[in-house]
Amino acid sequence: MNGYYPVMLKLQGIRCIVVGGGPIAERKVLGLLEAGADQVTVIALVFTPQLEELAHAGHIETEARAYASEDALAARLLFAATDQAELNRQIALDGEQAGIWVNRADEAEAGTFINPSVVRRGELVVTVSASGASPALSSRIREELAQRYGPEYIGITARLKELRERVKLTIGDRGLRREVLKLAAHEAPWQGEEDGDIDAWIKRLIAATDRRNT
């Protein structure tokens, strides 16, 4: 038992505060934005050029000042991403005392949550974590997953989402619906968009399911 419970968080409307303005903080911010976070505040005395560009474009807010313990109270997710171990420790302590989920970049197990390595292909999100034991192992496996699930899975996932929504409206039998969606997931990686529209695909899937059950 590793003591971690994996979840997927919906970050729209969630206040995320990142303390630190260097490369580590930048990676945390980029990960949040990729996940759809729209209320990201970065607190630091100095920011990387990319963080400044993101702030200028309105994607994040920056506050050029020192961190204060009261900042933890304003966050739903708090990231201690400075290059000072003692400050990161204090940020994590403040967050935990306030009942806030805290990620400590320099010592993962000292926070309340960790960030897994991520492969994003549109709405397909594949994550891997070694629970802080070996970030290098997580990165290696992530690279393998990125090769296995290439950019084509952006379209595959979008097509499966469209099919699922159509199936929910057109197939009332839950068992048949489940079988059709399962078969579609197996077929989709080898089916191009030119292979017909969604309705025609559903008909073929239903016919194939009927044949398997007879």
C-alpha atoms as a PDB file:
ATOM      1  CA  MET A   1       0.000   0.000   0.000  1.00  0.00           C
ATOM      2  CA  ASN A   2       1.551   3.287  -1.112  1.00  0.00           C
ATOM      3  CA  GLY A   3      -0.797   5.656   0.704  1.00  0.00           C
ATOM      4  CA  TYR A   4      -1.985   7.572  -2.385  1.00  0.00           C
ATOM      5  CA  TYR A   5      -5.453   7.646  -3.915  1.00  0.00           C
ATOM      6  CA  PRO A   6      -5.416   8.623  -7.618  1.00  0.00           C
ATOM      7  CA  VAL A   7      -8.071  11.105  -8.760  1.00  0.00           C
ATOM      8  CA  MET A   8      -8.788  13.406 -11.722  1.00  0.00           C
ATOM      9  CA  LEU A   9      -9.631  16.944 -10.619  1.00  0.00           C
ATOM     10  CA  LYS A  10     -11.811  19.411 -12.517  1.00  0.00           C
ATOM     11  CA  LEU A  11      -9.963  22.707 -12.070  1.00  0.00           C
ATOM     12  CA  GLN A  12     -12.280  25.235 -13.689  1.00  0.00           C
ATOM     13  CA  GLY A  13     -13.164  27.808 -11.056  1.00  0.00           C
ATOM     14  CA  ILE A  14     -10.663  26.392  -8.552  1.00  0.00           C
ATOM     15  CA  ARG A  15      -8.160  28.846  -7.059  1.00  0.00           C
ATOM     16  CA  CYS A  16      -4.651  27.454  -7.524  1.00  0.00           C
ATOM     17  CA  ILE A  17      -1.721  29.276  -5.948  1.00  0.00           C
ATOM     18  CA  VAL A  18       1.851  28.527  -6.974  1.00  0.00           C
ATOM     19  CA  VAL A  19       4.601  29.971  -4.790  1.00  0.00           C
ATOM     20  CA  GLY A  20       7.823  30.374  -6.737  1.00  0.00           C
ATOM     21  CA  GLY A  21       8.718  31.996 -10.036  1.00  0.00           C
ATOM     22  CA  GLY A  22      11.454  29.753 -11.423  1.00  0.00           C
ATOM     23  CA  PRO A  23      11.532  26.812 -13.849  1.00  0.00           C
ATOM     24  CA  ILE A  24       9.923  24.394 -11.363  1.00  0.00           C
ATOM     25  CA  ALA A  25       7.050  26.761 -10.717  1.00  0.00           C
ATOM     26  CA  GLU A  26       6.732  27.311 -14.459  1.00  0.00           C
ATOM     27  CA  ARG A  27       6.292  23.558 -15.040  1.00  0.00           C
ATOM     28  CA  LYS A  28       3.616  23.437 -12.345  1.00  0.00           C
ATOM     29  CA  VAL A  29       1.781  26.357 -13.934  1.00  0.00           C
ATOM     30  CA  LEU A  30       1.927  24.878 -17.425  1.00  0.00           C
ATOM     31  CA  GLY A  31       0.549  21.599 -16.094  1.00  0.00           C
ATOM     32  CA  LEU A  32      -2.336  23.429 -14.436  1.00  0.00           C
ATOM     33  CA  LEU A  33      -3.166  25.348 -17.605  1.00  0.00           C
ATOM     34  CA  GLU A  34      -3.068  22.170 -19.692  1.00  0.00           C
ATOM     35  CA  ALA A  35      -5.608  20.708 -17.254  1.00  0.00           C
ATOM     36  CA  GLY A  36      -7.972  23.640 -17.775  1.00  0.00           C
ATOM     37  CA  ALA A  37      -7.223  25.669 -14.645  1.00  0.00           C
ATOM     38  CA  ASP A  38      -8.516  29.225 -15.058  1.00  0.00           C
ATOM     39  CA  GLN A  39      -7.708  30.769 -11.671  1.00  0.00           C
ATOM     40  CA  VAL A  40      -3.952  30.434 -11.268  1.00  0.00           C
ATOM     41  CA  THR A  41      -2.001  32.911  -9.146  1.00  0.00           C
ATOM     42  CA  VAL A  42       1.799  32.846  -8.946  1.00  0.00           C
ATOM     43  CA  ILE A  43       3.541  34.516  -6.004  1.00  0.00           C
ATOM     44  CA  ALA A  44       7.270  35.284  -6.252  1.00  0.00           C
ATOM     45  CA  LEU A  45       9.759  38.108  -6.267  1.00  0.00           C
ATOM     46  CA  VAL A  46      10.987  37.237  -9.774  1.00  0.00           C
ATOM     47  CA  PHE A  47       9.317  35.316 -12.614  1.00  0.00           C
ATOM     48  CA  THR A  48      10.608  33.405 -15.627  1.00  0.00           C
ATOM     49  CA  PRO A  49      10.015  35.065 -19.019  1.00  0.00           C
ATOM     50  CA  GLN A  50       7.346  32.488 -19.874  1.00  0.00           C
ATOM     51  CA  LEU A  51       5.456  33.139 -16.657  1.00  0.00           C
ATOM     52  CA  GLU A  52       5.563  36.852 -17.422  1.00  0.00           C
ATOM     53  CA  GLU A  53       4.226  36.162 -20.929  1.00  0.00           C
ATOM     54  CA  LEU A  54       1.398  34.032 -19.528  1.00  0.00           C
ATOM     55  CA  ALA A  55       0.487  36.830 -17.122  1.00  0.00           C
ATOM     56  CA  HIS A  56       0.607  39.446 -19.869  1.00  0.00           C
ATOM     57  CA  ALA A  57      -1.712  37.273 -21.991  1.00  0.00           C
ATOM     58  CA  GLY A  58      -4.161  36.996 -19.098  1.00  0.00           C
ATOM     59  CA  HIS A  59      -3.747  33.253 -18.563  1.00  0.00           C
ATOM     60  CA  ILE A  60      -2.448  33.633 -15.002  1.00  0.00           C
ATOM     61  CA  GLU A  61      -2.101  36.303 -12.331  1.00  0.00           C
ATOM     62  CA  THR A  62       1.265  37.163 -10.809  1.00  0.00           C
ATOM     63  CA  GLU A  63       1.992  38.894  -7.530  1.00  0.00           C
ATOM     64  CA  ALA A  64       5.560  40.158  -7.231  1.00  0.00           C
ATOM     65  CA  ARG A  65       6.064  39.882  -3.494  1.00  0.00           C
ATOM     66  CA  ALA A  66       7.169  37.499  -0.765  1.00  0.00           C
ATOM     67  CA  TYR A  67       4.898  34.666   0.309  1.00  0.00           C
ATOM     68  CA  ALA A  68       2.789  35.204   3.450  1.00  0.00           C
ATOM     69  CA  SER A  69       1.195  32.437   5.503  1.00  0.00           C
ATOM     70  CA  GLU A  70      -2.223  34.018   4.889  1.00  0.00           C
ATOM     71  CA  ASP A  71      -1.877  33.160   1.193  1.00  0.00           C
ATOM     72  CA  ALA A  72      -2.627  29.526   1.978  1.00  0.00           C
ATOM     73  CA  LEU A  73      -6.127  30.481   3.113  1.00  0.00           C
ATOM     74  CA  ALA A  74      -6.972  31.818  -0.354  1.00  0.00           C
ATOM     75  CA  ALA A  75      -6.103  28.595  -2.188  1.00  0.00           C
ATOM     76  CA  ARG A  76      -7.899  25.362  -2.952  1.00  0.00           C
ATOM     77  CA  LEU A  77      -4.690  23.850  -4.330  1.00  0.00           C
ATOM     78  CA  LEU A  78      -1.335  25.147  -3.098  1.00  0.00           C
ATOM     79  CA  PHE A  79       2.053  24.501  -4.692  1.00  0.00           C
ATOM     80  CA  ALA A  80       5.335  25.038  -2.859  1.00  0.00           C
ATOM     81  CA  ALA A  81       7.703  25.410  -5.812  1.00  0.00           C
ATOM     82  CA  THR A  82      10.514  27.667  -4.631  1.00  0.00           C
ATOM     83  CA  ASP A  83      14.228  26.866  -4.509  1.00  0.00           C
ATOM     84  CA  GLN A  84      14.279  27.271  -0.705  1.00  0.00           C
ATOM     85  CA  ALA A  85      13.604  24.081   1.248  1.00  0.00           C
ATOM     86  CA  GLU A  86      12.687  25.881   4.470  1.00  0.00           C
ATOM     87  CA  LEU A  87      10.183  28.127   2.702  1.00  0.00           C
ATOM     88  CA  ASN A  88       8.658  25.130   0.926  1.00  0.00           C
ATOM     89  CA  ARG A  89       8.351  23.395   4.284  1.00  0.00           C
ATOM     90  CA  GLN A  90       6.554  26.410   5.757  1.00  0.00           C
ATOM     91  CA  ILE A  91       4.193  26.660   2.783  1.00  0.00           C
ATOM     92  CA  ALA A  92       3.301  22.981   3.109  1.00  0.00           C
ATOM     93  CA  LEU A  93       2.735  23.375   6.842  1.00  0.00           C
ATOM     94  CA  ASP A  94       0.523  26.438   6.323  1.00  0.00           C
ATOM     95  CA  GLY A  95      -1.546  24.593   3.746  1.00  0.00           C
ATOM     96  CA  GLU A  96      -2.010  21.509   5.873  1.00  0.00           C
ATOM     97  CA  GLN A  97      -3.011  23.579   8.903  1.00  0.00           C
ATOM     98  CA  ALA A  98      -5.571  25.389   6.745  1.00  0.00           C
ATOM     99  CA  GLY A  99      -6.941  22.121   5.361  1.00  0.00           C
ATOM    100  CA  ILE A 100      -5.626  22.895   1.861  1.00  0.00           C
ATOM    101  CA  TRP A 101      -4.230  20.289  -0.531  1.00  0.00           C
ATOM    102  CA  VAL A 102      -0.515  21.015  -0.882  1.00  0.00           C
ATOM    103  CA  ASN A 103       2.087  19.879  -3.385  1.00  0.00           C
ATOM    104  CA  ARG A 104       5.714  20.303  -2.355  1.00  0.00           C
ATOM    105  CA  ALA A 105       7.924  20.190  -5.437  1.00  0.00           C
ATOM    106  CA  ASP A 106      11.233  19.480  -3.716  1.00  0.00           C
ATOM    107  CA  GLU A 107       9.994  16.754  -1.354  1.00  0.00           C
ATOM    108  CA  ALA A 108       6.867  15.106  -2.720  1.00  0.00           C
ATOM    109  CA  GLU A 109       6.108  12.939   0.300  1.00  0.00           C
ATOM    110  CA  ALA A 110       6.066  16.035   2.543  1.00  0.00           C
ATOM    111  CA  GLY A 111       2.953  17.374   0.815  1.00  0.00           C
ATOM    112  CA  THR A 112      -0.587  16.022   0.687  1.00  0.00           C
ATOM    113  CA  PHE A 113      -0.627  15.234  -3.039  1.00  0.00           C
ATOM    114  CA  ILE A 114       1.837  14.538  -5.826  1.00  0.00           C
ATOM    115  CA  ASN A 115       1.729  15.208  -9.557  1.00  0.00           C
ATOM    116  CA  PRO A 116       2.010  12.120 -11.769  1.00  0.00           C
ATOM    117  CA  SER A 117       3.759  12.098 -15.115  1.00  0.00           C
ATOM    118  CA  VAL A 118       1.146  12.853 -17.770  1.00  0.00           C
ATOM    119  CA  VAL A 119       0.506  12.063 -21.437  1.00  0.00           C
ATOM    120  CA  ARG A 120      -2.297  14.192 -22.944  1.00  0.00           C
ATOM    121  CA  ARG A 121      -3.992  13.357 -26.215  1.00  0.00           C
ATOM    122  CA  GLY A 122      -6.992  15.652 -26.353  1.00  0.00           C
ATOM    123  CA  GLU A 123      -9.448  14.342 -23.787  1.00  0.00           C
ATOM    124  CA  LEU A 124      -7.407  11.190 -23.279  1.00  0.00           C
ATOM    125  CA  VAL A 125      -5.216  11.616 -20.206  1.00  0.00           C
ATOM    126  CA  VAL A 126      -2.791   8.842 -19.261  1.00  0.00           C
ATOM    127  CA  THR A 127      -0.879   9.213 -15.991  1.00  0.00           C
ATOM    128  CA  VAL A 128       1.805   7.227 -14.219  1.00  0.00           C
ATOM    129  CA  SER A 129       3.358   7.605 -10.793  1.00  0.00           C
ATOM    130  CA  ALA A 130       5.894   5.758  -8.697  1.00  0.00           C
ATOM    131  CA  SER A 131       4.432   7.486  -5.613  1.00  0.00           C
ATOM    132  CA  GLY A 132       7.537   9.629  -5.246  1.00  0.00           C
ATOM    133  CA  ALA A 133       9.876   6.630  -5.063  1.00  0.00           C
ATOM    134  CA  SER A 134      11.443   7.219  -8.479  1.00  0.00           C
ATOM    135  CA  PRO A 135      10.470  10.201 -10.654  1.00  0.00           C
ATOM    136  CA  ALA A 136      12.947   8.897 -13.226  1.00  0.00           C
ATOM    137  CA  LEU A 137      10.971   5.652 -13.544  1.00  0.00           C
ATOM    138  CA  SER A 138       7.736   7.599 -13.965  1.00  0.00           C
ATOM    139  CA  SER A 139       9.350   9.689 -16.707  1.00  0.00           C
ATOM    140  CA  ARG A 140      10.649   6.620 -18.514  1.00  0.00           C
ATOM    141  CA  ILE A 141       7.244   4.930 -18.486  1.00  0.00           C
ATOM    142  CA  ARG A 142       5.616   8.185 -19.568  1.00  0.00           C
ATOM    143  CA  GLU A 143       7.884   8.267 -22.630  1.00  0.00           C
ATOM    144  CA  GLU A 144       6.856   4.712 -23.479  1.00  0.00           C
ATOM    145  CA  LEU A 145       3.174   5.611 -23.141  1.00  0.00           C
ATOM    146  CA  ALA A 146       3.656   8.716 -25.296  1.00  0.00           C
ATOM    147  CA  GLN A 147       4.991   6.522 -28.092  1.00  0.00           C
ATOM    148  CA  ARG A 148       2.234   3.938 -27.662  1.00  0.00           C
ATOM    149  CA  TYR A 149      -0.564   6.517 -27.622  1.00  0.00           C
ATOM    150  CA  GLY A 150       0.454   9.026 -30.274  1.00  0.00           C
ATOM    151  CA  PRO A 151      -1.228  12.220 -31.527  1.00  0.00           C
ATOM    152  CA  GLU A 152      -3.742  10.162 -33.503  1.00  0.00           C
ATOM    153  CA  TYR A 153      -5.505   9.427 -30.225  1.00  0.00           C
ATOM    154  CA  ILE A 154      -6.734  13.025 -30.104  1.00  0.00           C
ATOM    155  CA  GLY A 155      -9.058  12.247 -33.011  1.00  0.00           C
ATOM    156  CA  ILE A 156      -9.805   8.731 -31.791  1.00  0.00           C
ATOM    157  CA  THR A 157     -10.955   9.984 -28.395  1.00  0.00           C
ATOM    158  CA  ALA A 158     -13.037  12.776 -29.918  1.00  0.00           C
ATOM    159  CA  ARG A 159     -14.746  10.289 -32.244  1.00  0.00           C
ATOM    160  CA  LEU A 160     -15.495   7.889 -29.396  1.00  0.00           C
ATOM    161  CA  LYS A 161     -16.965  10.736 -27.351  1.00  0.00           C
ATOM    162  CA  GLU A 162     -19.265  11.682 -30.229  1.00  0.00           C
ATOM    163  CA  LEU A 163     -20.312   8.062 -30.661  1.00  0.00           C
ATOM    164  CA  ARG A 164     -20.988   7.644 -26.933  1.00  0.00           C
ATOM    165  CA  GLU A 165     -23.262  10.680 -26.862  1.00  0.00           C
ATOM    166  CA  ARG A 166     -25.171   9.378 -29.890  1.00  0.00           C
ATOM    167  CA  VAL A 167     -25.452   5.876 -28.438  1.00  0.00           C
ATOM    168  CA  LYS A 168     -26.882   7.239 -25.190  1.00  0.00           C
ATOM    169  CA  LEU A 169     -29.667   8.876 -27.198  1.00  0.00           C
ATOM    170  CA  THR A 170     -30.415   6.052 -29.618  1.00  0.00           C
ATOM    171  CA  ILE A 171     -29.906   2.765 -27.730  1.00  0.00           C
ATOM    172  CA  GLY A 172     -32.194   2.217 -24.775  1.00  0.00           C
ATOM    173  CA  ASP A 173     -30.990  -1.246 -23.790  1.00  0.00           C
ATOM    174  CA  ARG A 174     -28.169  -0.764 -21.285  1.00  0.00           C
ATOM    175  CA  GLY A 175     -26.594  -4.120 -21.995  1.00  0.00           C
ATOM    176  CA  LEU A 176     -26.503  -3.506 -25.738  1.00  0.00           C
ATOM    177  CA  ARG A 177     -25.213   0.007 -25.145  1.00  0.00           C
ATOM    178  CA  ARG A 178     -22.354  -1.333 -23.039  1.00  0.00           C
ATOM    179  CA  GLU A 179     -21.425  -3.948 -25.653  1.00  0.00           C
ATOM    180  CA  VAL A 180     -21.512  -1.413 -28.492  1.00  0.00           C
ATOM    181  CA  LEU A 181     -19.269   1.036 -26.624  1.00  0.00           C
ATOM    182  CA  LYS A 182     -16.827  -1.712 -25.679  1.00  0.00           C
ATOM    183  CA  LEU A 183     -16.569  -2.887 -29.290  1.00  0.00           C
ATOM    184  CA  ALA A 184     -16.166   0.692 -30.501  1.00  0.00           C
ATOM    185  CA  ALA A 185     -13.198   1.223 -28.173  1.00  0.00           C
ATOM    186  CA  HIS A 186     -11.521  -1.853 -29.698  1.00  0.00           C
ATOM    187  CA  GLU A 187     -12.246  -0.755 -33.264  1.00  0.00           C
ATOM    188  CA  ALA A 188     -11.510   2.955 -33.015  1.00  0.00           C
ATOM    189  CA  PRO A 189      -7.673   2.888 -33.222  1.00  0.00           C
ATOM    190  CA  TRP A 190      -7.892   1.185 -36.612  1.00  0.00           C
ATOM    191  CA  GLN A 191     -10.831   3.145 -37.991  1.00  0.00           C
ATOM    192  CA  GLY A 192     -10.325   6.408 -39.801  1.00  0.00           C
ATOM    193  CA  GLU A 193     -12.887   9.165 -40.029  1.00  0.00           C
ATOM    194  CA  GLU A 194     -13.302   8.353 -43.691  1.00  0.00           C
ATOM    195  CA  ASP A 195     -14.788   4.969 -42.737  1.00  0.00           C
ATOM    196  CA  GLY A 196     -18.277   6.446 -42.483  1.00  0.00           C
ATOM    197  CA  ASP A 197     -20.369   8.671 -40.292  1.00  0.00           C
ATOM    198  CA  ILE A 198     -21.233   7.963 -36.656  1.00  0.00           C
ATOM    199  CA  ASP A 199     -24.720   6.641 -37.384  1.00  0.00           C
ATOM    200  CA  ALA A 200     -23.380   4.139 -39.921  1.00  0.00           C
ATOM    201  CA  TRP A 201     -20.718   3.058 -37.440  1.00  0.00           C
ATOM    202  CA  ILE A 202     -23.332   2.490 -34.738  1.00  0.00           C
ATOM    203  CA  LYS A 203     -25.371   0.306 -37.098  1.00  0.00           C
ATOM    204  CA  ARG A 204     -22.299  -1.796 -37.901  1.00  0.00           C
ATOM    205  CA  LEU A 205     -21.477  -2.113 -34.205  1.00  0.00           C
ATOM    206  CA  ILE A 206     -25.013  -3.223 -33.362  1.00  0.00           C
ATOM    207  CA  ALA A 207     -24.927  -5.802 -36.145  1.00  0.00           C
ATOM    208  CA  ALA A 208     -21.542  -7.089 -34.964  1.00  0.00           C
ATOM    209  CA  THR A 209     -22.806  -7.306 -31.382  1.00  0.00           C
ATOM    210  CA  ASP A 210     -25.877  -9.239 -32.497  1.00  0.00           C
ATOM    211  CA  ARG A 211     -23.690 -11.719 -34.381  1.00  0.00           C
ATOM    212  CA  ARG A 212     -21.456 -12.246 -31.331  1.00  0.00           C
ATOM    213  CA  ASN A 213     -24.485 -12.945 -29.135  1.00  0.00           C
ATOM    214  CA  THR A 214     -26.125 -15.471 -31.455  1.00  0.00           C
END
